[in-house]
Amino acid sequence: MSHLISVQLDALAALLAELSALGVELAQEGELCAATGRSLTGALEGPVGVDAGLAGAGWTELVTTLAARTLAVAASLEAAVATYRAADAGIAGQLDPGWAGRVPVPR
């Protein structure tokens, strides 16, 4: 049995914008983590500096991976929104050829 799935494309597009912005921010944070880890290694001598540098490298890897995956989800969401919009326009064009390309207005 199939179930109806309702998608609000404008809400999905807003989520896409937020995810994209978050991914960019996380990527910038990854760069900051890397720089901080290097600074800690240089500022602290001996095993403490090495441990601090390793911790910084670990955080850098974590934040960079999170940024990449967030941007990948955003790209998938972008493709889904584009596909849904194209399908919606195609159906609208079949129902009323003069309607295709206009913005639907909820009633």
Protein backbone atom coordinates (compact mmCIF):
# COMPACT_ATOMS: atom_id res chain seq x y z
CA MET A 1 0.00 0.00 0.00
CA SER A 2 1.38 3.38 -0.93
CA HIS A 3 1.10 6.41 1.30
CA LEU A 4 0.75 10.04 0.30
CA ILE A 5 3.77 12.18 1.07
CA SER A 6 3.24 15.92 1.23
CA VAL A 7 6.26 18.16 0.71
CA GLN A 8 6.30 21.90 1.30
CA LEU A 9 8.95 22.96 -1.18
CA ASP A 10 9.44 26.45 0.22
CA ALA A 11 10.02 25.05 3.71
CA LEU A 12 12.41 22.49 2.25
CA ALA A 13 14.25 25.26 0.40
CA ALA A 14 14.54 27.22 3.66
CA LEU A 15 15.99 24.15 5.38
CA LEU A 16 18.41 23.77 2.47
CA ALA A 17 19.59 27.36 2.92
CA GLU A 18 20.11 26.82 6.65
CA LEU A 19 22.02 23.58 6.11
CA SER A 20 24.23 25.18 3.47
CA ALA A 21 25.04 28.10 5.77
CA LEU A 22 25.74 25.71 8.65
CA GLY A 23 28.06 23.64 6.46
CA VAL A 24 30.04 26.73 5.48
CA GLU A 25 30.26 27.87 9.12
CA LEU A 26 31.44 24.43 10.21
CA ALA A 27 34.09 24.41 7.50
CA GLN A 28 35.37 27.75 8.80
CA GLU A 29 35.35 26.38 12.35
CA GLY A 30 37.41 23.42 11.11
CA GLU A 31 40.05 25.81 9.85
CA LEU A 32 40.04 27.62 13.19
CA CYS A 33 40.38 24.30 15.07
CA ALA A 34 43.37 23.37 12.93
CA ALA A 35 45.09 26.70 13.60
CA THR A 36 44.35 26.47 17.32
CA GLY A 37 45.70 22.93 17.53
CA ARG A 38 48.93 24.02 15.88
CA SER A 39 49.20 27.01 18.23
CA LEU A 40 48.73 24.81 21.28
CA THR A 41 51.45 22.44 20.11
CA GLY A 42 53.86 25.32 19.73
CA ALA A 43 52.85 27.13 22.93
CA LEU A 44 53.02 24.17 25.27
CA GLU A 45 56.23 22.21 25.65
CA GLY A 46 56.67 18.50 25.99
CA PRO A 47 53.98 15.86 26.20
CA VAL A 48 51.31 18.40 27.20
CA GLY A 49 51.88 20.28 23.94
CA VAL A 50 51.79 17.06 21.95
CA ASP A 51 48.56 15.98 23.65
CA ALA A 52 46.99 19.41 23.11
CA GLY A 53 47.99 19.28 19.45
CA LEU A 54 46.50 15.81 19.06
CA ALA A 55 43.28 16.98 20.70
CA GLY A 56 43.16 19.93 18.31
CA ALA A 57 43.74 17.62 15.36
CA GLY A 58 40.94 15.35 16.57
CA TRP A 59 38.52 18.26 16.84
CA THR A 60 39.60 19.48 13.43
CA GLU A 61 38.82 16.10 11.90
CA LEU A 62 35.47 15.92 13.67
CA VAL A 63 34.34 19.42 12.66
CA THR A 64 35.64 19.04 9.09
CA THR A 65 33.81 15.73 8.68
CA LEU A 66 30.63 17.22 10.10
CA ALA A 67 30.93 20.17 7.69
CA ALA A 68 31.42 17.87 4.69
CA ARG A 69 28.46 15.69 5.63
CA THR A 70 26.25 18.71 6.29
CA LEU A 71 27.10 20.08 2.85
CA ALA A 72 26.44 16.65 1.31
CA VAL A 73 22.98 16.54 2.90
CA ALA A 74 22.35 20.08 1.64
CA ALA A 75 23.36 19.04 -1.90
CA SER A 76 21.03 16.02 -1.76
CA LEU A 77 18.23 18.22 -0.49
CA GLU A 78 18.91 20.74 -3.27
CA ALA A 79 18.61 17.98 -5.88
CA ALA A 80 15.39 16.73 -4.27
CA VAL A 81 13.83 20.21 -4.28
CA ALA A 82 14.79 20.72 -7.93
CA THR A 83 13.34 17.32 -8.86
CA TYR A 84 10.10 17.97 -6.98
CA ARG A 85 9.75 21.41 -8.57
CA ALA A 86 10.35 19.99 -12.05
CA ALA A 87 7.84 17.21 -11.47
CA ASP A 88 5.31 19.70 -10.12
CA ALA A 89 5.76 21.95 -13.15
CA GLY A 90 5.47 18.95 -15.47
CA ILE A 91 2.19 17.84 -13.89
CA ALA A 92 0.89 21.40 -13.95
CA GLY A 93 1.80 21.67 -17.62
CA GLN A 94 -0.13 18.49 -18.38
CA LEU A 95 -3.20 19.74 -16.55
CA ASP A 96 -3.12 23.25 -17.97
CA PRO A 97 -0.39 24.00 -20.53
CA GLY A 98 -0.74 27.74 -19.87
CA TRP A 99 -0.11 27.23 -16.14
CA ALA A 100 3.42 25.81 -16.31
CA GLY A 101 6.02 28.10 -14.79
CA ARG A 102 3.63 30.19 -12.70
CA VAL A 103 3.90 30.21 -8.94
CA PRO A 104 1.10 28.24 -7.24
CA VAL A 105 -0.96 30.12 -4.69
CA PRO A 106 -2.47 28.07 -1.85
CA ARG A 107 -6.17 28.60 -1.32
